[in-house]
């Protein structure tokens, strides 16, 4: 396939397509969650009336390999997956598993109570439960009749 760019508008369009394709790419430093490592564990974030849950896949790690901090409404999860020495062979056909340090940071809404945070590590998944402040939880207001 040959791509011909002849006019300035063609270059602008090509630039827009590339920006859209790589917007928030992990190494650009853009987007809501700045990624600072090559290994980026997959994360799911859920919210209900009681709070927010963050589930992050950390296969091969132990709870002591992970550190959580909250500062200025930012939750930071750091850790390191160390490469286990493999048996010496004459040929390596493929290395696909990721190793090394990782860091994920999440800006928390002001509705989260930073004093009510719980973390659980089970089957290679770290689940962080962040409770909402009482004032942020939905409440029902009774309508009175005169």
C-alpha atoms as a PDB file:
ATOM      1  CA  UNK A   1       0.000   0.000   0.000  1.00  0.00           C
ATOM      2  CA  UNK A   2       1.388   3.387  -0.971  1.00  0.00           C
ATOM      3  CA  UNK A   3       0.391   6.484   0.935  1.00  0.00           C
ATOM      4  CA  UNK A   4       0.733   9.768  -0.917  1.00  0.00           C
ATOM      5  CA  UNK A   5       0.783  12.981   1.087  1.00  0.00           C
ATOM      6  CA  UNK A   6       0.786  15.929  -1.284  1.00  0.00           C
ATOM      7  CA  UNK A   7      -1.063  18.768   0.415  1.00  0.00           C
ATOM      8  CA  UNK A   8      -0.677  20.306   3.892  1.00  0.00           C
ATOM      9  CA  UNK A   9      -4.206  19.113   4.658  1.00  0.00           C
ATOM     10  CA  UNK A  10      -3.033  15.533   4.018  1.00  0.00           C
ATOM     11  CA  UNK A  11      -0.240  15.940   6.578  1.00  0.00           C
ATOM     12  CA  UNK A  12      -2.640  17.455   9.125  1.00  0.00           C
ATOM     13  CA  UNK A  13      -5.079  14.586   8.660  1.00  0.00           C
ATOM     14  CA  UNK A  14      -2.298  12.019   9.013  1.00  0.00           C
ATOM     15  CA  UNK A  15      -1.121  13.740  12.195  1.00  0.00           C
ATOM     16  CA  UNK A  16      -4.690  13.682  13.601  1.00  0.00           C
ATOM     17  CA  UNK A  17      -5.011   9.967  12.841  1.00  0.00           C
ATOM     18  CA  UNK A  18      -1.709   9.187  14.586  1.00  0.00           C
ATOM     19  CA  UNK A  19      -2.591  11.362  17.590  1.00  0.00           C
ATOM     20  CA  UNK A  20      -5.954   9.615  17.927  1.00  0.00           C
ATOM     21  CA  UNK A  21      -4.328   6.195  17.649  1.00  0.00           C
ATOM     22  CA  UNK A  22      -1.702   6.902  20.303  1.00  0.00           C
ATOM     23  CA  UNK A  23      -3.629   9.301  22.562  1.00  0.00           C
ATOM     24  CA  UNK A  24      -2.901   8.279  26.152  1.00  0.00           C
ATOM     25  CA  UNK A  25      -0.262   5.799  25.037  1.00  0.00           C
ATOM     26  CA  UNK A  26       1.467   4.531  28.203  1.00  0.00           C
ATOM     27  CA  UNK A  27       4.784   6.218  27.490  1.00  0.00           C
ATOM     28  CA  UNK A  28       3.596   9.688  26.513  1.00  0.00           C
ATOM     29  CA  UNK A  29       2.951  10.916  30.039  1.00  0.00           C
ATOM     30  CA  UNK A  30      -0.564  11.933  29.007  1.00  0.00           C
ATOM     31  CA  UNK A  31      -3.935  10.799  30.201  1.00  0.00           C
ATOM     32  CA  UNK A  32      -5.440  10.516  33.662  1.00  0.00           C
ATOM     33  CA  UNK A  33      -3.183   7.703  34.877  1.00  0.00           C
ATOM     34  CA  UNK A  34       0.474   8.427  34.290  1.00  0.00           C
ATOM     35  CA  UNK A  35       2.353   5.184  33.717  1.00  0.00           C
ATOM     36  CA  UNK A  36       5.981   5.168  34.740  1.00  0.00           C
ATOM     37  CA  UNK A  37       7.075   1.658  33.793  1.00  0.00           C
ATOM     38  CA  UNK A  38       7.067  -0.725  30.873  1.00  0.00           C
ATOM     39  CA  UNK A  39       5.039  -3.320  32.775  1.00  0.00           C
ATOM     40  CA  UNK A  40       1.473  -2.123  33.268  1.00  0.00           C
ATOM     41  CA  UNK A  41      -0.742  -4.526  35.226  1.00  0.00           C
ATOM     42  CA  UNK A  42      -4.319  -4.728  33.971  1.00  0.00           C
ATOM     43  CA  UNK A  43      -6.785  -2.868  36.198  1.00  0.00           C
ATOM     44  CA  UNK A  44     -10.570  -2.781  36.578  1.00  0.00           C
ATOM     45  CA  UNK A  45     -12.354  -0.006  38.504  1.00  0.00           C
ATOM     46  CA  UNK A  46     -15.921  -0.342  39.817  1.00  0.00           C
ATOM     47  CA  UNK A  47     -18.156   2.091  41.686  1.00  0.00           C
ATOM     48  CA  UNK A  48     -21.388   1.616  43.601  1.00  0.00           C
ATOM     49  CA  UNK A  49     -23.294   3.597  46.249  1.00  0.00           C
ATOM     50  CA  UNK A  50     -20.924   2.456  49.013  1.00  0.00           C
ATOM     51  CA  UNK A  51     -17.571   3.078  47.358  1.00  0.00           C
ATOM     52  CA  UNK A  52     -15.012   2.308  44.697  1.00  0.00           C
ATOM     53  CA  UNK A  53     -13.166  -0.960  44.103  1.00  0.00           C
ATOM     54  CA  UNK A  54      -9.937  -1.232  42.165  1.00  0.00           C
ATOM     55  CA  UNK A  55      -8.857  -4.725  41.060  1.00  0.00           C
ATOM     56  CA  UNK A  56      -5.348  -5.040  39.658  1.00  0.00           C
ATOM     57  CA  UNK A  57      -3.862  -8.248  38.242  1.00  0.00           C
ATOM     58  CA  UNK A  58      -0.488  -9.053  39.805  1.00  0.00           C
ATOM     59  CA  UNK A  59       0.324 -12.661  38.883  1.00  0.00           C
ATOM     60  CA  UNK A  60       3.521 -14.001  40.362  1.00  0.00           C
ATOM     61  CA  UNK A  61       3.672 -11.406  43.145  1.00  0.00           C
ATOM     62  CA  UNK A  62       3.197 -11.861  46.875  1.00  0.00           C
ATOM     63  CA  UNK A  63       1.424  -9.321  49.108  1.00  0.00           C
ATOM     64  CA  UNK A  64       4.783  -8.179  50.504  1.00  0.00           C
ATOM     65  CA  UNK A  65       5.915  -7.254  46.955  1.00  0.00           C
ATOM     66  CA  UNK A  66       3.225  -4.541  46.731  1.00  0.00           C
ATOM     67  CA  UNK A  67       3.062  -1.120  48.428  1.00  0.00           C
ATOM     68  CA  UNK A  68       0.015   1.182  48.508  1.00  0.00           C
ATOM     69  CA  UNK A  69       0.041   4.851  49.452  1.00  0.00           C
ATOM     70  CA  UNK A  70      -2.544   7.631  49.445  1.00  0.00           C
ATOM     71  CA  UNK A  71      -1.376  11.227  49.254  1.00  0.00           C
ATOM     72  CA  UNK A  72      -3.302  14.301  48.098  1.00  0.00           C
ATOM     73  CA  UNK A  73      -6.250  12.174  46.898  1.00  0.00           C
ATOM     74  CA  UNK A  74      -3.960  10.014  44.775  1.00  0.00           C
ATOM     75  CA  UNK A  75      -3.732   6.264  45.298  1.00  0.00           C
ATOM     76  CA  UNK A  76      -0.396   4.850  44.171  1.00  0.00           C
ATOM     77  CA  UNK A  77       0.259   1.130  43.814  1.00  0.00           C
ATOM     78  CA  UNK A  78       3.905   0.101  43.406  1.00  0.00           C
ATOM     79  CA  UNK A  79       5.614  -3.223  43.189  1.00  0.00           C
ATOM     80  CA  UNK A  80       8.157  -5.351  41.456  1.00  0.00           C
ATOM     81  CA  UNK A  81       7.904  -8.713  39.768  1.00  0.00           C
ATOM     82  CA  UNK A  82      11.285 -10.368  39.882  1.00  0.00           C
ATOM     83  CA  UNK A  83      12.396 -12.754  37.185  1.00  0.00           C
ATOM     84  CA  UNK A  84      12.940 -16.250  38.491  1.00  0.00           C
ATOM     85  CA  UNK A  85      16.155 -17.853  37.279  1.00  0.00           C
ATOM     86  CA  UNK A  86      15.228 -20.281  34.549  1.00  0.00           C
ATOM     87  CA  UNK A  87      16.986 -23.525  33.816  1.00  0.00           C
ATOM     88  CA  UNK A  88      19.982 -22.986  31.551  1.00  0.00           C
ATOM     89  CA  UNK A  89      19.280 -24.141  28.038  1.00  0.00           C
ATOM     90  CA  UNK A  90      21.107 -23.764  24.788  1.00  0.00           C
ATOM     91  CA  UNK A  91      18.259 -21.923  23.098  1.00  0.00           C
ATOM     92  CA  UNK A  92      15.476 -19.664  24.229  1.00  0.00           C
ATOM     93  CA  UNK A  93      12.553 -19.711  21.864  1.00  0.00           C
ATOM     94  CA  UNK A  94      10.430 -17.014  23.448  1.00  0.00           C
ATOM     95  CA  UNK A  95      10.227 -14.642  26.413  1.00  0.00           C
ATOM     96  CA  UNK A  96       6.747 -13.153  26.802  1.00  0.00           C
ATOM     97  CA  UNK A  97       6.255 -12.716  30.532  1.00  0.00           C
ATOM     98  CA  UNK A  98       6.793  -9.234  31.931  1.00  0.00           C
ATOM     99  CA  UNK A  99       9.122  -8.497  34.827  1.00  0.00           C
ATOM    100  CA  UNK A 100      10.342  -5.455  36.645  1.00  0.00           C
ATOM    101  CA  UNK A 101       8.972  -2.601  38.676  1.00  0.00           C
ATOM    102  CA  UNK A 102       5.575  -1.062  38.069  1.00  0.00           C
ATOM    103  CA  UNK A 103       3.686   1.930  39.383  1.00  0.00           C
ATOM    104  CA  UNK A 104       0.049   2.868  38.860  1.00  0.00           C
ATOM    105  CA  UNK A 105      -1.473   6.067  40.227  1.00  0.00           C
ATOM    106  CA  UNK A 106      -5.180   6.871  40.396  1.00  0.00           C
ATOM    107  CA  UNK A 107      -6.703  10.247  41.236  1.00  0.00           C
ATOM    108  CA  UNK A 108      -9.480   9.634  43.730  1.00  0.00           C
ATOM    109  CA  UNK A 109     -12.690  11.645  43.780  1.00  0.00           C
ATOM    110  CA  UNK A 110     -13.225  13.887  46.797  1.00  0.00           C
ATOM    111  CA  UNK A 111     -16.149  11.643  47.793  1.00  0.00           C
ATOM    112  CA  UNK A 112     -13.724   8.911  48.942  1.00  0.00           C
ATOM    113  CA  UNK A 113     -12.946   8.650  52.667  1.00  0.00           C
ATOM    114  CA  UNK A 114      -9.139   8.213  52.678  1.00  0.00           C
ATOM    115  CA  UNK A 115      -9.317   6.786  56.215  1.00  0.00           C
ATOM    116  CA  UNK A 116     -11.526   3.877  55.126  1.00  0.00           C
ATOM    117  CA  UNK A 117      -9.375   1.908  52.703  1.00  0.00           C
ATOM    118  CA  UNK A 118      -8.962  -1.869  52.689  1.00  0.00           C
ATOM    119  CA  UNK A 119      -6.697  -3.999  50.482  1.00  0.00           C
ATOM    120  CA  UNK A 120      -7.005  -7.739  49.868  1.00  0.00           C
ATOM    121  CA  UNK A 121      -4.663  -9.957  47.834  1.00  0.00           C
ATOM    122  CA  UNK A 122      -6.126 -13.206  46.520  1.00  0.00           C
ATOM    123  CA  UNK A 123      -5.190 -15.492  43.606  1.00  0.00           C
ATOM    124  CA  UNK A 124      -2.836 -12.907  42.077  1.00  0.00           C
ATOM    125  CA  UNK A 125      -5.397 -10.084  42.186  1.00  0.00           C
ATOM    126  CA  UNK A 126      -5.078  -7.090  44.503  1.00  0.00           C
ATOM    127  CA  UNK A 127      -8.471  -5.572  45.348  1.00  0.00           C
ATOM    128  CA  UNK A 128      -8.532  -2.140  46.960  1.00  0.00           C
ATOM    129  CA  UNK A 129     -11.860  -1.072  48.490  1.00  0.00           C
ATOM    130  CA  UNK A 130     -12.318   2.667  49.001  1.00  0.00           C
ATOM    131  CA  UNK A 131     -15.394   3.681  50.994  1.00  0.00           C
ATOM    132  CA  UNK A 132     -17.308   6.828  50.186  1.00  0.00           C
ATOM    133  CA  UNK A 133     -17.656   9.472  52.867  1.00  0.00           C
ATOM    134  CA  UNK A 134     -21.047   9.390  54.588  1.00  0.00           C
ATOM    135  CA  UNK A 135     -21.983  12.799  53.162  1.00  0.00           C
ATOM    136  CA  UNK A 136     -21.330  11.497  49.622  1.00  0.00           C
ATOM    137  CA  UNK A 137     -23.535   8.410  49.916  1.00  0.00           C
ATOM    138  CA  UNK A 138     -27.002   8.698  48.411  1.00  0.00           C
ATOM    139  CA  UNK A 139     -29.736   8.996  50.994  1.00  0.00           C
ATOM    140  CA  UNK A 140     -33.471   9.026  50.731  1.00  0.00           C
ATOM    141  CA  UNK A 141     -35.375  12.085  51.880  1.00  0.00           C
ATOM    142  CA  UNK A 142     -38.834  11.567  53.242  1.00  0.00           C
ATOM    143  CA  UNK A 143     -41.571  13.737  51.777  1.00  0.00           C
ATOM    144  CA  UNK A 144     -43.956  14.850  54.484  1.00  0.00           C
ATOM    145  CA  UNK A 145     -47.613  15.646  53.988  1.00  0.00           C
ATOM    146  CA  UNK A 146     -49.222  18.532  55.945  1.00  0.00           C
END
